[in-house]
């Protein structure tokens, strides 16, 4: 068996044994648009929380904090 065969078998096992049962147990499935919006909002909130934590620890300057905040606002 080659490396690609091993990777394909591992991928199929992971999908069939781990992710498919999780997907089957979830009730109503959200649309791709709702899922994308949720993930994007989570990424922006996580980025802002990281900026606040770095600023509070004194590792992020005012200028860099303002730039990060404006770039996050532009992402929203």
PDB file of N, CA and C in Angstrom:
ATOM      1  N   UNK A   1       0.833  -1.180   0.000  1.00  0.00           N
ATOM      2  CA  UNK A   1       0.000   0.000   0.000  1.00  0.00           C
ATOM      3  C   UNK A   1       0.878   1.244   0.000  1.00  0.00           C
ATOM      4  N   UNK A   2       0.528   2.183  -0.834  1.00  0.00           N
ATOM      5  CA  UNK A   2       1.315   3.414  -0.916  1.00  0.00           C
ATOM      6  C   UNK A   2       0.832   4.418   0.129  1.00  0.00           C
ATOM      7  N   UNK A   3       1.561   5.498   0.228  1.00  0.00           N
ATOM      8  CA  UNK A   3       1.211   6.550   1.188  1.00  0.00           C
ATOM      9  C   UNK A   3      -0.157   7.134   0.872  1.00  0.00           C
ATOM     10  N   UNK A   4      -0.451   7.336  -0.395  1.00  0.00           N
ATOM     11  CA  UNK A   4      -1.751   7.913  -0.766  1.00  0.00           C
ATOM     12  C   UNK A   4      -2.893   6.971  -0.393  1.00  0.00           C
ATOM     13  N   UNK A   5      -2.677   5.660  -0.494  1.00  0.00           N
ATOM     14  CA  UNK A   5      -3.713   4.704  -0.083  1.00  0.00           C
ATOM     15  C   UNK A   5      -3.950   4.771   1.426  1.00  0.00           C
ATOM     16  N   UNK A   6      -2.880   4.895   2.194  1.00  0.00           N
ATOM     17  CA  UNK A   6      -3.014   5.022   3.643  1.00  0.00           C
ATOM     18  C   UNK A   6      -3.740   6.314   4.019  1.00  0.00           C
ATOM     19  N   UNK A   7      -3.398   7.410   3.349  1.00  0.00           N
ATOM     20  CA  UNK A   7      -4.066   8.682   3.632  1.00  0.00           C
ATOM     21  C   UNK A   7      -5.537   8.643   3.248  1.00  0.00           C
ATOM     22  N   UNK A   8      -5.850   8.008   2.132  1.00  0.00           N
ATOM     23  CA  UNK A   8      -7.244   7.884   1.716  1.00  0.00           C
ATOM     24  C   UNK A   8      -8.036   7.042   2.705  1.00  0.00           C
ATOM     25  N   UNK A   9      -7.436   5.946   3.176  1.00  0.00           N
ATOM     26  CA  UNK A   9      -8.119   5.098   4.161  1.00  0.00           C
ATOM     27  C   UNK A   9      -8.333   5.847   5.477  1.00  0.00           C
ATOM     28  N   UNK A  10      -7.332   6.603   5.909  1.00  0.00           N
ATOM     29  CA  UNK A  10      -7.468   7.371   7.143  1.00  0.00           C
ATOM     30  C   UNK A  10      -8.538   8.456   6.986  1.00  0.00           C
ATOM     31  N   UNK A  11      -8.593   9.091   5.836  1.00  0.00           N
ATOM     32  CA  UNK A  11      -9.593  10.121   5.573  1.00  0.00           C
ATOM     33  C   UNK A  11     -10.993   9.522   5.586  1.00  0.00           C
ATOM     34  N   UNK A  12     -11.171   8.386   4.942  1.00  0.00           N
ATOM     35  CA  UNK A  12     -12.485   7.744   4.923  1.00  0.00           C
ATOM     36  C   UNK A  12     -12.902   7.316   6.323  1.00  0.00           C
ATOM     37  N   UNK A  13     -11.960   6.787   7.106  1.00  0.00           N
ATOM     38  CA  UNK A  13     -12.286   6.382   8.472  1.00  0.00           C
ATOM     39  C   UNK A  13     -12.709   7.589   9.301  1.00  0.00           C
ATOM     40  N   UNK A  14     -11.960   8.689   9.160  1.00  0.00           N
ATOM     41  CA  UNK A  14     -12.264   9.897   9.923  1.00  0.00           C
ATOM     42  C   UNK A  14     -13.639  10.446   9.556  1.00  0.00           C
ATOM     43  N   UNK A  15     -13.943  10.466   8.281  1.00  0.00           N
ATOM     44  CA  UNK A  15     -15.244  10.973   7.854  1.00  0.00           C
ATOM     45  C   UNK A  15     -16.375  10.055   8.303  1.00  0.00           C
ATOM     46  N   UNK A  16     -16.200   8.733   8.117  1.00  0.00           N
ATOM     47  CA  UNK A  16     -17.275   7.793   8.420  1.00  0.00           C
ATOM     48  C   UNK A  16     -17.476   7.571   9.908  1.00  0.00           C
ATOM     49  N   UNK A  17     -16.405   7.551  10.693  1.00  0.00           N
ATOM     50  CA  UNK A  17     -16.507   7.195  12.109  1.00  0.00           C
ATOM     51  C   UNK A  17     -16.609   8.392  13.043  1.00  0.00           C
ATOM     52  N   UNK A  18     -16.126   9.567  12.620  1.00  0.00           N
ATOM     53  CA  UNK A  18     -16.102  10.712  13.522  1.00  0.00           C
ATOM     54  C   UNK A  18     -17.092  11.786  13.082  1.00  0.00           C
ATOM     55  N   UNK A  19     -16.903  12.309  11.881  1.00  0.00           N
ATOM     56  CA  UNK A  19     -17.685  13.481  11.490  1.00  0.00           C
ATOM     57  C   UNK A  19     -19.104  13.157  11.043  1.00  0.00           C
ATOM     58  N   UNK A  20     -19.329  12.028  10.385  1.00  0.00           N
ATOM     59  CA  UNK A  20     -20.683  11.696   9.944  1.00  0.00           C
ATOM     60  C   UNK A  20     -21.620  11.447  11.119  1.00  0.00           C
ATOM     61  N   UNK A  21     -21.220  10.715  12.174  1.00  0.00           N
ATOM     62  CA  UNK A  21     -22.135  10.587  13.327  1.00  0.00           C
ATOM     63  C   UNK A  21     -22.449  11.927  14.004  1.00  0.00           C
ATOM     64  N   UNK A  22     -21.470  12.819  14.062  1.00  0.00           N
ATOM     65  CA  UNK A  22     -21.729  14.141  14.634  1.00  0.00           C
ATOM     66  C   UNK A  22     -22.737  14.888  13.779  1.00  0.00           C
ATOM     67  N   UNK A  23     -22.570  14.798  12.483  1.00  0.00           N
ATOM     68  CA  UNK A  23     -23.497  15.465  11.573  1.00  0.00           C
ATOM     69  C   UNK A  23     -24.892  14.857  11.655  1.00  0.00           C
ATOM     70  N   UNK A  24     -24.960  13.534  11.809  1.00  0.00           N
ATOM     71  CA  UNK A  24     -26.266  12.884  11.901  1.00  0.00           C
ATOM     72  C   UNK A  24     -26.990  13.258  13.185  1.00  0.00           C
ATOM     73  N   UNK A  25     -26.262  13.476  14.272  1.00  0.00           N
ATOM     74  CA  UNK A  25     -26.883  13.804  15.552  1.00  0.00           C
ATOM     75  C   UNK A  25     -27.361  15.246  15.631  1.00  0.00           C
ATOM     76  N   UNK A  26     -26.764  16.117  14.841  1.00  0.00           N
ATOM     77  CA  UNK A  26     -27.214  17.508  14.885  1.00  0.00           C
ATOM     78  C   UNK A  26     -28.604  17.579  14.272  1.00  0.00           C
ATOM     79  N   UNK A  27     -29.461  18.353  14.904  1.00  0.00           N
ATOM     80  CA  UNK A  27     -30.860  18.423  14.479  1.00  0.00           C
ATOM     81  C   UNK A  27     -31.016  19.080  13.132  1.00  0.00           C
ATOM     82  N   UNK A  28     -31.601  20.250  13.151  1.00  0.00           N
ATOM     83  CA  UNK A  28     -31.808  20.993  11.917  1.00  0.00           C
ATOM     84  C   UNK A  28     -30.479  21.510  11.406  1.00  0.00           C
ATOM     85  N   UNK A  29     -30.211  21.268  10.174  1.00  0.00           N
ATOM     86  CA  UNK A  29     -28.926  21.667   9.605  1.00  0.00           C
ATOM     87  C   UNK A  29     -29.009  23.113   9.103  1.00  0.00           C
ATOM     88  N   UNK A  30     -28.066  23.959   9.536  1.00  0.00           N
ATOM     89  CA  UNK A  30     -28.086  25.348   9.053  1.00  0.00           C
ATOM     90  C   UNK A  30     -27.652  25.409   7.586  1.00  0.00           C
ATOM     91  N   UNK A  31     -28.070  26.458   6.935  1.00  0.00           N
ATOM     92  CA  UNK A  31     -27.652  26.641   5.550  1.00  0.00           C
ATOM     93  C   UNK A  31     -26.180  27.053   5.520  1.00  0.00           C
ATOM     94  N   UNK A  32     -25.594  26.928   4.366  1.00  0.00           N
ATOM     95  CA  UNK A  32     -24.184  27.294   4.219  1.00  0.00           C
ATOM     96  C   UNK A  32     -23.986  28.779   4.489  1.00  0.00           C
ATOM     97  N   UNK A  33     -24.947  29.600   4.124  1.00  0.00           N
ATOM     98  CA  UNK A  33     -24.853  31.036   4.367  1.00  0.00           C
ATOM     99  C   UNK A  33     -24.853  31.333   5.862  1.00  0.00           C
ATOM    100  N   UNK A  34     -25.762  30.704   6.620  1.00  0.00           N
ATOM    101  CA  UNK A  34     -25.817  30.921   8.069  1.00  0.00           C
ATOM    102  C   UNK A  34     -24.541  30.430   8.741  1.00  0.00           C
ATOM    103  N   UNK A  35     -24.043  29.301   8.313  1.00  0.00           N
ATOM    104  CA  UNK A  35     -22.810  28.771   8.877  1.00  0.00           C
ATOM    105  C   UNK A  35     -21.629  29.700   8.588  1.00  0.00           C
ATOM    106  N   UNK A  36     -21.555  30.209   7.370  1.00  0.00           N
ATOM    107  CA  UNK A  36     -20.485  31.138   7.012  1.00  0.00           C
ATOM    108  C   UNK A  36     -20.537  32.421   7.818  1.00  0.00           C
ATOM    109  N   UNK A  37     -21.735  32.971   8.009  1.00  0.00           N
ATOM    110  CA  UNK A  37     -21.864  34.187   8.813  1.00  0.00           C
ATOM    111  C   UNK A  37     -21.462  33.938  10.255  1.00  0.00           C
ATOM    112  N   UNK A  38     -21.837  32.793  10.780  1.00  0.00           N
ATOM    113  CA  UNK A  38     -21.486  32.470  12.158  1.00  0.00           C
ATOM    114  C   UNK A  38     -19.975  32.340  12.317  1.00  0.00           C
ATOM    115  N   UNK A  39     -19.328  31.671  11.382  1.00  0.00           N
ATOM    116  CA  UNK A  39     -17.879  31.512  11.460  1.00  0.00           C
ATOM    117  C   UNK A  39     -17.147  32.836  11.280  1.00  0.00           C
ATOM    118  N   UNK A  40     -17.660  33.682  10.393  1.00  0.00           N
ATOM    119  CA  UNK A  40     -17.032  34.985  10.190  1.00  0.00           C
ATOM    120  C   UNK A  40     -17.180  35.851  11.433  1.00  0.00           C
ATOM    121  N   UNK A  41     -18.343  35.842  12.038  1.00  0.00           N
ATOM    122  CA  UNK A  41     -18.550  36.611  13.263  1.00  0.00           C
ATOM    123  C   UNK A  41     -17.647  36.095  14.378  1.00  0.00           C
ATOM    124  N   UNK A  42     -17.518  34.784  14.483  1.00  0.00           N
ATOM    125  CA  UNK A  42     -16.634  34.211  15.489  1.00  0.00           C
ATOM    126  C   UNK A  42     -15.189  34.612  15.277  1.00  0.00           C
ATOM    127  N   UNK A  43     -14.759  34.656  14.033  1.00  0.00           N
ATOM    128  CA  UNK A  43     -13.382  35.051  13.736  1.00  0.00           C
ATOM    129  C   UNK A  43     -13.137  36.508  14.102  1.00  0.00           C
ATOM    130  N   UNK A  44     -14.094  37.386  13.821  1.00  0.00           N
ATOM    131  CA  UNK A  44     -13.931  38.803  14.141  1.00  0.00           C
ATOM    132  C   UNK A  44     -13.926  39.005  15.656  1.00  0.00           C
ATOM    133  N   UNK A  45     -14.829  38.320  16.365  1.00  0.00           N
ATOM    134  CA  UNK A  45     -14.870  38.450  17.826  1.00  0.00           C
ATOM    135  C   UNK A  45     -13.583  37.924  18.443  1.00  0.00           C
ATOM    136  N   UNK A  46     -13.080  36.789  17.949  1.00  0.00           N
ATOM    137  CA  UNK A  46     -11.834  36.228  18.463  1.00  0.00           C
ATOM    138  C   UNK A  46     -10.666  37.177  18.197  1.00  0.00           C
ATOM    139  N   UNK A  47     -10.636  37.789  17.030  1.00  0.00           N
ATOM    140  CA  UNK A  47      -9.566  38.738  16.704  1.00  0.00           C
ATOM    141  C   UNK A  47      -9.610  39.950  17.630  1.00  0.00           C
ATOM    142  N   UNK A  48     -10.790  40.480  17.873  1.00  0.00           N
ATOM    143  CA  UNK A  48     -10.911  41.629  18.769  1.00  0.00           C
ATOM    144  C   UNK A  48     -10.566  41.262  20.211  1.00  0.00           C
ATOM    145  N   UNK A  49     -10.960  40.063  20.648  1.00  0.00           N
ATOM    146  CA  UNK A  49     -10.618  39.625  22.007  1.00  0.00           C
ATOM    147  C   UNK A  49      -9.105  39.458  22.155  1.00  0.00           C
ATOM    148  N   UNK A  50      -8.460  38.946  21.128  1.00  0.00           N
ATOM    149  CA  UNK A  50      -7.006  38.808  21.172  1.00  0.00           C
ATOM    150  C   UNK A  50      -6.336  40.175  21.211  1.00  0.00           C
ATOM    151  N   UNK A  51      -6.859  41.131  20.462  1.00  0.00           N
ATOM    152  CA  UNK A  51      -6.298  42.484  20.480  1.00  0.00           C
ATOM    153  C   UNK A  51      -6.461  43.131  21.848  1.00  0.00           C
ATOM    154  N   UNK A  52      -7.632  42.950  22.471  1.00  0.00           N
ATOM    155  CA  UNK A  52      -7.866  43.517  23.802  1.00  0.00           C
ATOM    156  C   UNK A  52      -6.923  42.881  24.819  1.00  0.00           C
ATOM    157  N   UNK A  53      -6.740  41.568  24.733  1.00  0.00           N
ATOM    158  CA  UNK A  53      -5.843  40.879  25.665  1.00  0.00           C
ATOM    159  C   UNK A  53      -4.401  41.337  25.476  1.00  0.00           C
ATOM    160  N   UNK A  54      -3.960  41.474  24.231  1.00  0.00           N
ATOM    161  CA  UNK A  54      -2.598  41.946  23.980  1.00  0.00           C
ATOM    162  C   UNK A  54      -2.419  43.384  24.437  1.00  0.00           C
ATOM    163  N   UNK A  55      -3.430  44.213  24.222  1.00  0.00           N
ATOM    164  CA  UNK A  55      -3.353  45.607  24.657  1.00  0.00           C
ATOM    165  C   UNK A  55      -3.305  45.680  26.182  1.00  0.00           C
ATOM    166  N   UNK A  56      -4.114  44.852  26.834  1.00  0.00           N
ATOM    167  CA  UNK A  56      -4.122  44.836  28.283  1.00  0.00           C
ATOM    168  C   UNK A  56      -2.809  44.350  28.879  1.00  0.00           C
ATOM    169  N   UNK A  57      -2.131  43.456  28.178  1.00  0.00           N
ATOM    170  CA  UNK A  57      -0.843  42.939  28.646  1.00  0.00           C
ATOM    171  C   UNK A  57       0.302  43.881  28.279  1.00  0.00           C
ATOM    172  N   UNK A  58       0.022  44.928  27.543  1.00  0.00           N
ATOM    173  CA  UNK A  58       1.050  45.881  27.159  1.00  0.00           C
ATOM    174  C   UNK A  58       1.889  45.442  25.970  1.00  0.00           C
ATOM    175  N   UNK A  59       1.407  44.467  25.230  1.00  0.00           N
ATOM    176  CA  UNK A  59       2.160  43.965  24.079  1.00  0.00           C
ATOM    177  C   UNK A  59       1.679  44.536  22.751  1.00  0.00           C
ATOM    178  N   UNK A  60       0.642  45.364  22.796  1.00  0.00           N
ATOM    179  CA  UNK A  60       0.100  45.951  21.579  1.00  0.00           C
ATOM    180  C   UNK A  60       0.020  47.455  21.782  1.00  0.00           C
ATOM    181  N   UNK A  61       0.683  48.203  20.907  1.00  0.00           N
ATOM    182  CA  UNK A  61       0.681  49.654  21.012  1.00  0.00           C
ATOM    183  C   UNK A  61      -0.617  50.260  20.527  1.00  0.00           C
ATOM    184  N   UNK A  62      -0.774  51.544  20.779  1.00  0.00           N
ATOM    185  CA  UNK A  62      -1.993  52.261  20.390  1.00  0.00           C
ATOM    186  C   UNK A  62      -2.168  52.244  18.869  1.00  0.00           C
ATOM    187  N   UNK A  63      -1.107  52.540  18.145  1.00  0.00           N
ATOM    188  CA  UNK A  63      -1.203  52.592  16.688  1.00  0.00           C
ATOM    189  C   UNK A  63      -1.564  51.252  16.084  1.00  0.00           C
ATOM    190  N   UNK A  64      -0.918  50.197  16.546  1.00  0.00           N
ATOM    191  CA  UNK A  64      -1.233  48.866  16.030  1.00  0.00           C
ATOM    192  C   UNK A  64      -2.642  48.430  16.445  1.00  0.00           C
ATOM    193  N   UNK A  65      -3.058  48.816  17.650  1.00  0.00           N
ATOM    194  CA  UNK A  65      -4.406  48.484  18.098  1.00  0.00           C
ATOM    195  C   UNK A  65      -5.467  49.171  17.260  1.00  0.00           C
ATOM    196  N   UNK A  66      -5.234  50.441  16.945  1.00  0.00           N
ATOM    197  CA  UNK A  66      -6.184  51.167  16.100  1.00  0.00           C
ATOM    198  C   UNK A  66      -6.240  50.561  14.703  1.00  0.00           C
ATOM    199  N   UNK A  67      -5.072  50.205  14.177  1.00  0.00           N
ATOM    200  CA  UNK A  67      -5.041  49.589  12.851  1.00  0.00           C
ATOM    201  C   UNK A  67      -5.792  48.259  12.852  1.00  0.00           C
ATOM    202  N   UNK A  68      -5.565  47.432  13.874  1.00  0.00           N
ATOM    203  CA  UNK A  68      -6.251  46.148  13.961  1.00  0.00           C
ATOM    204  C   UNK A  68      -7.754  46.343  14.126  1.00  0.00           C
ATOM    205  N   UNK A  69      -8.153  47.310  14.933  1.00  0.00           N
ATOM    206  CA  UNK A  69      -9.576  47.576  15.109  1.00  0.00           C
ATOM    207  C   UNK A  69     -10.244  48.044  13.827  1.00  0.00           C
ATOM    208  N   UNK A  70      -9.562  48.917  13.096  1.00  0.00           N
ATOM    209  CA  UNK A  70     -10.136  49.379  11.827  1.00  0.00           C
ATOM    210  C   UNK A  70     -10.182  48.277  10.781  1.00  0.00           C
ATOM    211  N   UNK A  71      -9.171  47.418  10.751  1.00  0.00           N
ATOM    212  CA  UNK A  71      -9.196  46.322   9.788  1.00  0.00           C
ATOM    213  C   UNK A  71     -10.285  45.314  10.151  1.00  0.00           C
ATOM    214  N   UNK A  72     -10.539  45.102  11.447  1.00  0.00           N
ATOM    215  CA  UNK A  72     -11.636  44.228  11.856  1.00  0.00           C
ATOM    216  C   UNK A  72     -12.985  44.850  11.497  1.00  0.00           C
ATOM    217  N   UNK A  73     -13.117  46.148  11.709  1.00  0.00           N
ATOM    218  CA  UNK A  73     -14.354  46.833  11.336  1.00  0.00           C
ATOM    219  C   UNK A  73     -14.577  46.766   9.830  1.00  0.00           C
ATOM    220  N   UNK A  74     -13.510  46.855   9.064  1.00  0.00           N
ATOM    221  CA  UNK A  74     -13.644  46.711   7.615  1.00  0.00           C
ATOM    222  C   UNK A  74     -14.043  45.308   7.231  1.00  0.00           C
ATOM    223  N   UNK A  75     -13.604  44.320   8.000  1.00  0.00           N
ATOM    224  CA  UNK A  75     -13.993  42.942   7.726  1.00  0.00           C
ATOM    225  C   UNK A  75     -15.448  42.686   8.009  1.00  0.00           C
ATOM    226  N   UNK A  76     -15.997  43.423   8.960  1.00  0.00           N
ATOM    227  CA  UNK A  76     -17.421  43.252   9.291  1.00  0.00           C
ATOM    228  C   UNK A  76     -18.253  43.815   8.162  1.00  0.00           C
TER     229      UNK A  76
END
